N, C-alpha and C. Protein backbone atom coordinates (compact mmCIF):
# COMPACT_ATOMS: atom_id res chain seq x y z
N MET A 1 139.62 -19.65 62.39
CA MET A 1 138.57 -18.67 62.55
C MET A 1 137.85 -18.97 63.85
N ALA A 2 137.54 -17.92 64.56
CA ALA A 2 136.89 -18.07 65.86
C ALA A 2 135.43 -18.37 65.67
N ALA A 3 134.88 -19.03 66.63
CA ALA A 3 133.45 -19.36 66.56
C ALA A 3 132.63 -18.08 66.70
N LEU A 4 131.56 -17.98 65.93
CA LEU A 4 130.70 -16.80 65.96
C LEU A 4 129.49 -17.06 66.85
N THR A 5 129.13 -16.04 67.57
CA THR A 5 127.90 -16.15 68.36
C THR A 5 126.72 -15.90 67.42
N PRO A 6 125.50 -16.24 67.87
CA PRO A 6 124.35 -16.07 66.97
C PRO A 6 124.14 -14.64 66.50
N LEU A 7 124.57 -13.63 67.26
CA LEU A 7 124.33 -12.25 66.85
C LEU A 7 125.46 -11.69 66.00
N GLU A 8 126.56 -12.41 65.87
CA GLU A 8 127.67 -11.94 65.06
C GLU A 8 127.63 -12.63 63.71
N HIS A 9 128.26 -12.03 62.78
CA HIS A 9 128.34 -12.66 61.46
C HIS A 9 129.71 -12.40 60.87
N ALA A 10 130.04 -13.18 59.90
CA ALA A 10 131.33 -13.03 59.23
C ALA A 10 131.26 -11.83 58.31
N PRO A 11 132.37 -11.17 58.07
CA PRO A 11 132.35 -10.03 57.15
C PRO A 11 131.97 -10.48 55.74
N LEU A 12 131.23 -9.60 55.06
CA LEU A 12 130.79 -9.90 53.70
C LEU A 12 131.92 -9.64 52.71
N PRO A 13 131.98 -10.38 51.64
CA PRO A 13 132.96 -10.06 50.59
C PRO A 13 132.71 -8.66 50.07
N GLU A 14 133.75 -8.03 49.54
CA GLU A 14 133.64 -6.64 49.14
C GLU A 14 132.62 -6.43 48.02
N HIS A 15 132.50 -7.35 47.10
CA HIS A 15 131.56 -7.14 46.00
C HIS A 15 130.10 -7.20 46.50
N LEU A 16 129.84 -7.81 47.67
CA LEU A 16 128.48 -7.84 48.21
C LEU A 16 128.22 -6.68 49.16
N SER A 17 129.27 -6.14 49.76
CA SER A 17 129.06 -5.08 50.73
C SER A 17 128.97 -3.70 50.06
N ALA A 18 129.37 -3.57 48.81
CA ALA A 18 129.28 -2.28 48.11
C ALA A 18 127.81 -1.96 47.85
N PRO A 19 127.46 -0.67 47.87
CA PRO A 19 126.07 -0.31 47.60
C PRO A 19 125.70 -0.67 46.17
N PRO A 20 124.50 -1.12 45.93
CA PRO A 20 124.10 -1.50 44.58
C PRO A 20 124.05 -0.28 43.68
N GLU A 21 124.31 -0.52 42.42
CA GLU A 21 124.22 0.58 41.45
C GLU A 21 122.76 0.94 41.30
N THR A 22 122.53 2.21 41.12
CA THR A 22 121.15 2.64 40.97
C THR A 22 120.71 2.41 39.54
N ALA A 23 119.70 1.62 39.41
CA ALA A 23 119.15 1.33 38.09
C ALA A 23 117.76 1.97 38.02
N PRO A 24 117.35 2.38 36.84
CA PRO A 24 116.02 2.98 36.75
C PRO A 24 114.96 1.94 37.14
N PRO A 25 113.93 2.37 37.85
CA PRO A 25 112.91 1.40 38.27
C PRO A 25 112.18 0.83 37.06
N ALA A 26 111.90 -0.43 37.15
CA ALA A 26 111.17 -1.08 36.06
C ALA A 26 109.72 -0.60 36.08
N PRO A 27 109.16 -0.38 34.89
CA PRO A 27 107.75 0.06 34.88
C PRO A 27 106.88 -1.05 35.45
N SER A 28 105.96 -0.64 36.32
CA SER A 28 105.09 -1.64 36.94
C SER A 28 103.70 -1.56 36.32
N ALA A 29 103.04 -2.66 36.36
CA ALA A 29 101.67 -2.72 35.84
C ALA A 29 100.76 -1.96 36.80
N PRO A 30 99.66 -1.39 36.29
CA PRO A 30 98.74 -0.68 37.19
C PRO A 30 98.18 -1.67 38.21
N PRO A 31 97.94 -1.21 39.43
CA PRO A 31 97.44 -2.13 40.46
C PRO A 31 96.06 -2.68 40.08
N ARG A 32 95.89 -3.94 40.36
CA ARG A 32 94.60 -4.57 40.07
C ARG A 32 93.65 -4.33 41.24
N PRO A 33 92.37 -4.07 40.94
CA PRO A 33 91.42 -3.86 42.04
C PRO A 33 91.27 -5.13 42.87
N ARG A 34 91.04 -4.95 44.11
CA ARG A 34 90.90 -6.09 44.99
C ARG A 34 89.44 -6.48 45.11
N ARG A 35 89.23 -7.69 45.51
CA ARG A 35 87.87 -8.23 45.63
C ARG A 35 87.04 -7.40 46.61
N ARG A 36 87.62 -7.00 47.72
CA ARG A 36 86.88 -6.23 48.72
C ARG A 36 86.45 -4.87 48.15
N GLY A 37 87.33 -4.25 47.38
CA GLY A 37 86.99 -2.97 46.77
C GLY A 37 85.86 -3.11 45.76
N LEU A 38 85.92 -4.19 44.98
CA LEU A 38 84.85 -4.42 44.01
C LEU A 38 83.53 -4.71 44.70
N LEU A 39 83.56 -5.49 45.77
CA LEU A 39 82.32 -5.77 46.50
C LEU A 39 81.76 -4.51 47.14
N GLY A 40 82.63 -3.65 47.65
CA GLY A 40 82.17 -2.39 48.23
C GLY A 40 81.52 -1.50 47.18
N ALA A 41 82.13 -1.42 46.01
CA ALA A 41 81.55 -0.62 44.93
C ALA A 41 80.22 -1.20 44.49
N LEU A 42 80.13 -2.51 44.39
CA LEU A 42 78.88 -3.16 44.02
C LEU A 42 77.79 -2.89 45.05
N LEU A 43 78.13 -2.95 46.31
CA LEU A 43 77.16 -2.67 47.37
C LEU A 43 76.69 -1.22 47.30
N ALA A 44 77.59 -0.29 47.07
CA ALA A 44 77.22 1.11 46.97
C ALA A 44 76.29 1.35 45.78
N LEU A 45 76.59 0.74 44.65
CA LEU A 45 75.72 0.89 43.48
C LEU A 45 74.35 0.28 43.71
N THR A 46 74.30 -0.85 44.39
CA THR A 46 73.02 -1.49 44.70
C THR A 46 72.19 -0.59 45.60
N GLY A 47 72.80 -0.01 46.60
CA GLY A 47 72.08 0.91 47.49
C GLY A 47 71.59 2.14 46.76
N LEU A 48 72.40 2.66 45.86
CA LEU A 48 72.01 3.83 45.09
C LEU A 48 70.83 3.50 44.18
N ALA A 49 70.88 2.35 43.53
CA ALA A 49 69.79 1.96 42.64
C ALA A 49 68.51 1.73 43.43
N GLY A 50 68.61 1.12 44.60
CA GLY A 50 67.42 0.89 45.42
C GLY A 50 66.81 2.20 45.90
N THR A 51 67.64 3.14 46.31
CA THR A 51 67.14 4.44 46.75
C THR A 51 66.48 5.18 45.60
N ALA A 52 67.10 5.16 44.44
CA ALA A 52 66.52 5.83 43.28
C ALA A 52 65.17 5.20 42.92
N GLY A 53 65.10 3.88 42.98
CA GLY A 53 63.84 3.21 42.66
C GLY A 53 62.74 3.54 43.66
N ALA A 54 63.11 3.69 44.93
CA ALA A 54 62.10 4.01 45.95
C ALA A 54 61.65 5.46 45.86
N LEU A 55 62.54 6.36 45.49
CA LEU A 55 62.19 7.78 45.44
C LEU A 55 61.54 8.21 44.14
N THR A 56 61.69 7.45 43.08
CA THR A 56 61.15 7.84 41.79
C THR A 56 59.65 8.11 41.84
N PRO A 57 58.82 7.23 42.41
CA PRO A 57 57.38 7.53 42.43
C PRO A 57 57.05 8.76 43.25
N LEU A 58 57.83 9.05 44.28
CA LEU A 58 57.56 10.23 45.10
C LEU A 58 57.93 11.52 44.39
N LEU A 59 58.98 11.47 43.58
CA LEU A 59 59.47 12.67 42.92
C LEU A 59 58.84 12.90 41.55
N ARG A 60 58.22 11.87 41.01
CA ARG A 60 57.62 12.00 39.68
C ARG A 60 56.38 12.88 39.78
N THR A 61 56.27 13.84 38.90
CA THR A 61 55.09 14.70 38.87
C THR A 61 54.29 14.37 37.63
N THR A 62 53.02 14.29 37.80
CA THR A 62 52.13 14.04 36.67
C THR A 62 51.22 15.23 36.51
N GLY A 63 50.52 15.29 35.40
CA GLY A 63 49.63 16.41 35.12
C GLY A 63 48.56 16.57 36.17
N ALA A 64 47.43 15.97 35.97
CA ALA A 64 46.32 16.08 36.90
C ALA A 64 46.37 14.91 37.88
N PRO A 65 45.99 15.16 39.12
CA PRO A 65 45.97 14.05 40.06
C PRO A 65 44.89 13.05 39.67
N PRO A 66 45.08 11.77 40.00
CA PRO A 66 44.09 10.79 39.67
C PRO A 66 42.78 11.06 40.40
N SER A 67 41.73 10.47 39.90
CA SER A 67 40.42 10.67 40.52
C SER A 67 40.44 10.05 41.92
N PRO A 68 39.57 10.53 42.81
CA PRO A 68 39.55 9.99 44.16
C PRO A 68 39.18 8.51 44.16
N ALA A 69 39.44 7.88 45.28
CA ALA A 69 39.15 6.44 45.40
C ALA A 69 37.67 6.17 45.18
N PRO A 70 37.35 5.02 44.61
CA PRO A 70 35.95 4.69 44.38
C PRO A 70 35.22 4.41 45.69
N GLY A 71 33.91 4.42 45.60
CA GLY A 71 33.09 4.11 46.77
C GLY A 71 32.46 5.37 47.33
N PRO A 72 31.55 5.19 48.26
CA PRO A 72 30.88 6.35 48.85
C PRO A 72 31.89 7.27 49.51
N ARG A 73 31.61 8.54 49.45
CA ARG A 73 32.53 9.53 49.99
C ARG A 73 31.80 10.39 51.00
N ALA A 74 32.47 10.64 52.10
CA ALA A 74 31.94 11.55 53.11
C ALA A 74 33.05 12.52 53.47
N ALA A 75 32.67 13.70 53.90
CA ALA A 75 33.65 14.72 54.26
C ALA A 75 33.18 15.44 55.50
N GLU A 76 34.14 15.89 56.29
CA GLU A 76 33.82 16.66 57.49
C GLU A 76 35.04 17.45 57.90
N THR A 77 34.84 18.41 58.78
CA THR A 77 35.94 19.16 59.37
C THR A 77 36.04 18.71 60.82
N TYR A 78 37.21 18.28 61.21
CA TYR A 78 37.45 17.81 62.57
C TYR A 78 38.66 18.54 63.12
N ARG A 79 38.47 19.31 64.17
CA ARG A 79 39.53 20.10 64.80
C ARG A 79 40.29 20.96 63.79
N GLY A 80 39.54 21.55 62.87
CA GLY A 80 40.11 22.44 61.88
C GLY A 80 40.77 21.74 60.71
N ARG A 81 40.70 20.44 60.63
CA ARG A 81 41.31 19.67 59.53
C ARG A 81 40.20 19.09 58.67
N GLU A 82 40.41 19.11 57.36
CA GLU A 82 39.42 18.57 56.42
C GLU A 82 39.63 17.07 56.27
N LEU A 83 38.63 16.29 56.64
CA LEU A 83 38.68 14.84 56.51
C LEU A 83 37.76 14.41 55.38
N ALA A 84 38.20 13.46 54.60
CA ALA A 84 37.37 12.79 53.59
C ALA A 84 37.65 11.31 53.75
N TYR A 85 36.61 10.49 53.62
CA TYR A 85 36.80 9.06 53.81
C TYR A 85 35.75 8.27 53.06
N GLY A 86 36.11 7.03 52.80
CA GLY A 86 35.23 6.09 52.13
C GLY A 86 35.29 4.77 52.89
N PRO A 87 34.85 3.69 52.24
CA PRO A 87 34.79 2.41 52.96
C PRO A 87 36.17 1.86 53.36
N ASP A 88 37.23 2.22 52.62
CA ASP A 88 38.56 1.69 52.96
C ASP A 88 39.69 2.69 52.73
N TRP A 89 39.39 3.98 52.76
CA TRP A 89 40.40 5.00 52.56
C TRP A 89 40.02 6.25 53.34
N ALA A 90 41.00 7.13 53.55
CA ALA A 90 40.76 8.40 54.23
C ALA A 90 41.84 9.39 53.82
N THR A 91 41.49 10.67 53.83
CA THR A 91 42.46 11.74 53.59
C THR A 91 42.33 12.76 54.70
N ILE A 92 43.44 13.43 54.99
CA ILE A 92 43.47 14.54 55.94
C ILE A 92 44.06 15.72 55.21
N ASP A 93 43.28 16.77 55.06
CA ASP A 93 43.69 17.97 54.31
C ASP A 93 44.18 17.61 52.92
N GLY A 94 43.52 16.66 52.26
CA GLY A 94 43.86 16.28 50.89
C GLY A 94 45.02 15.32 50.77
N ARG A 95 45.60 14.90 51.87
CA ARG A 95 46.72 13.95 51.84
C ARG A 95 46.24 12.59 52.33
N ALA A 96 46.65 11.55 51.61
CA ALA A 96 46.17 10.20 51.91
C ALA A 96 46.69 9.71 53.25
N LEU A 97 45.79 9.15 54.03
CA LEU A 97 46.16 8.46 55.26
C LEU A 97 46.18 6.98 54.91
N HIS A 98 47.35 6.37 55.01
CA HIS A 98 47.46 4.95 54.65
C HIS A 98 46.76 4.11 55.71
N LEU A 99 45.73 3.36 55.29
CA LEU A 99 44.98 2.48 56.19
C LEU A 99 45.24 1.04 55.82
N MET A 100 45.34 0.21 56.83
CA MET A 100 45.55 -1.22 56.62
C MET A 100 44.42 -1.98 57.29
N PRO A 101 43.69 -2.81 56.52
CA PRO A 101 42.60 -3.57 57.13
C PRO A 101 43.15 -4.65 58.06
N ARG A 102 42.40 -4.92 59.10
CA ARG A 102 42.77 -5.98 60.04
C ARG A 102 41.97 -7.23 59.72
N ALA A 103 42.52 -8.38 60.03
CA ALA A 103 41.84 -9.64 59.75
C ALA A 103 40.54 -9.75 60.54
N GLY A 104 40.50 -9.23 61.75
CA GLY A 104 39.31 -9.31 62.58
C GLY A 104 38.34 -8.17 62.33
N GLY A 105 38.58 -7.35 61.33
CA GLY A 105 37.74 -6.18 61.06
C GLY A 105 38.39 -4.93 61.60
N GLY A 106 38.03 -3.81 61.04
CA GLY A 106 38.59 -2.54 61.45
C GLY A 106 39.87 -2.23 60.70
N PHE A 107 40.52 -1.16 61.13
CA PHE A 107 41.70 -0.65 60.44
C PHE A 107 42.75 -0.20 61.44
N VAL A 108 44.00 -0.22 61.00
CA VAL A 108 45.08 0.49 61.67
C VAL A 108 45.63 1.48 60.64
N SER A 109 46.21 2.58 61.13
CA SER A 109 46.70 3.60 60.21
C SER A 109 48.22 3.69 60.26
N ALA A 110 48.77 4.39 59.29
CA ALA A 110 50.22 4.60 59.25
C ALA A 110 50.67 5.49 60.41
N VAL A 111 49.78 6.27 60.95
CA VAL A 111 50.13 7.14 62.07
C VAL A 111 50.20 6.33 63.37
N ASP A 112 49.31 5.36 63.53
CA ASP A 112 49.28 4.54 64.74
C ASP A 112 49.05 3.09 64.35
N HIS A 113 50.12 2.30 64.32
CA HIS A 113 50.02 0.90 63.91
C HIS A 113 49.47 -0.01 65.01
N PHE A 114 49.36 0.48 66.22
CA PHE A 114 49.08 -0.41 67.34
C PHE A 114 47.64 -0.36 67.84
N THR A 115 46.88 0.63 67.43
CA THR A 115 45.51 0.76 67.90
C THR A 115 44.56 0.48 66.74
N PRO A 116 43.67 -0.50 66.88
CA PRO A 116 42.69 -0.75 65.83
C PRO A 116 41.52 0.23 65.94
N TYR A 117 40.99 0.64 64.79
CA TYR A 117 39.85 1.54 64.74
C TYR A 117 38.74 0.87 63.94
N PRO A 118 37.49 1.08 64.32
CA PRO A 118 36.40 0.37 63.66
C PRO A 118 36.12 0.85 62.24
N SER A 119 36.52 2.08 61.90
CA SER A 119 36.20 2.63 60.57
C SER A 119 37.30 3.57 60.11
N PRO A 120 37.33 3.88 58.80
CA PRO A 120 38.30 4.87 58.32
C PRO A 120 38.08 6.24 58.97
N ARG A 121 36.82 6.60 59.26
CA ARG A 121 36.54 7.88 59.92
C ARG A 121 37.20 7.93 61.29
N ALA A 122 37.05 6.87 62.07
CA ALA A 122 37.64 6.83 63.41
C ALA A 122 39.17 6.86 63.33
N ALA A 123 39.74 6.16 62.35
CA ALA A 123 41.19 6.17 62.18
C ALA A 123 41.68 7.56 61.79
N ALA A 124 40.96 8.25 60.91
CA ALA A 124 41.36 9.60 60.48
C ALA A 124 41.28 10.57 61.65
N ARG A 125 40.21 10.49 62.43
CA ARG A 125 40.09 11.38 63.60
C ARG A 125 41.21 11.13 64.60
N ALA A 126 41.53 9.87 64.85
CA ALA A 126 42.61 9.56 65.78
C ALA A 126 43.96 10.05 65.23
N ALA A 127 44.14 9.98 63.92
CA ALA A 127 45.38 10.48 63.30
C ALA A 127 45.50 11.99 63.48
N VAL A 128 44.38 12.71 63.34
CA VAL A 128 44.39 14.16 63.55
C VAL A 128 44.78 14.46 65.00
N ASP A 129 44.21 13.70 65.93
CA ASP A 129 44.55 13.91 67.34
C ASP A 129 46.04 13.66 67.57
N GLU A 130 46.58 12.63 66.97
CA GLU A 130 47.99 12.28 67.16
C GLU A 130 48.92 13.28 66.48
N LEU A 131 48.55 13.74 65.28
CA LEU A 131 49.41 14.64 64.52
C LEU A 131 49.45 16.05 65.11
N GLY A 132 48.41 16.46 65.74
CA GLY A 132 48.35 17.84 66.22
C GLY A 132 48.33 18.77 65.02
N GLY A 133 49.29 19.66 64.92
CA GLY A 133 49.36 20.59 63.80
C GLY A 133 50.22 20.11 62.64
N ALA A 134 50.85 18.94 62.78
CA ALA A 134 51.73 18.44 61.72
C ALA A 134 50.92 17.93 60.54
N ARG A 135 51.56 17.92 59.38
CA ARG A 135 50.91 17.41 58.17
C ARG A 135 51.36 15.99 57.91
N LEU A 136 50.53 15.24 57.19
CA LEU A 136 50.96 13.92 56.73
C LEU A 136 52.08 14.10 55.71
N SER A 137 52.96 13.14 55.61
CA SER A 137 54.13 13.30 54.76
C SER A 137 53.90 12.92 53.31
N THR A 138 52.80 12.26 52.97
CA THR A 138 52.57 11.86 51.59
C THR A 138 51.34 12.55 51.05
N PRO A 139 51.35 13.02 49.80
CA PRO A 139 50.18 13.66 49.23
C PRO A 139 49.08 12.65 48.93
N ALA A 140 47.86 13.14 48.82
CA ALA A 140 46.71 12.27 48.56
C ALA A 140 46.81 11.64 47.19
N HIS A 141 46.58 10.36 47.11
CA HIS A 141 46.47 9.60 45.86
C HIS A 141 47.71 9.70 44.98
N GLY A 142 48.88 9.83 45.59
CA GLY A 142 50.15 9.82 44.85
C GLY A 142 50.41 11.08 44.05
N ALA A 143 49.64 12.14 44.23
CA ALA A 143 49.85 13.37 43.45
C ALA A 143 51.06 14.12 43.94
C-alpha cells in the first residue's frame, strides 16, 4: 500500500460508507431554561414590581382630599397663580410644591434644587417664575 499524504485517506469499508438507515428520532426532553434567561426574567419582574410600587400612590384615588398642612396659612395671587403657604409648605394652584429645608436655614424646591430661598413664599414665587404657564406635576397633598 502506498503512503498516504495527510489530506488523503484510505477507502472506507462498504458497511461504513453506506448511508445510515433512517430511524425515527428519539423523543427529546423539553429544553431546560438557562441561568441567563432566568436572571433576565427575575430582573424584569423586579423592575415591574418596583414600578408598580412607585406608581400605586400616584394612581390611587381616595374620597376627600386630606386636610391642608398644619400651621399658619397665607394665600395670595402672584402672576395669575394662586399661592398658599405655611411655615414649611407651599402650593401653586392647589398643587403641592415639594420644599426641602436646608441645614443653614431656608428652603430649596423641587422646581429649583440649586437656589436657596429664605421662605416657602419666596420659593413658591420663584417656582411660578420658572414654570411660566406650566403646571406642577403632582396634586396638592397627594389628592
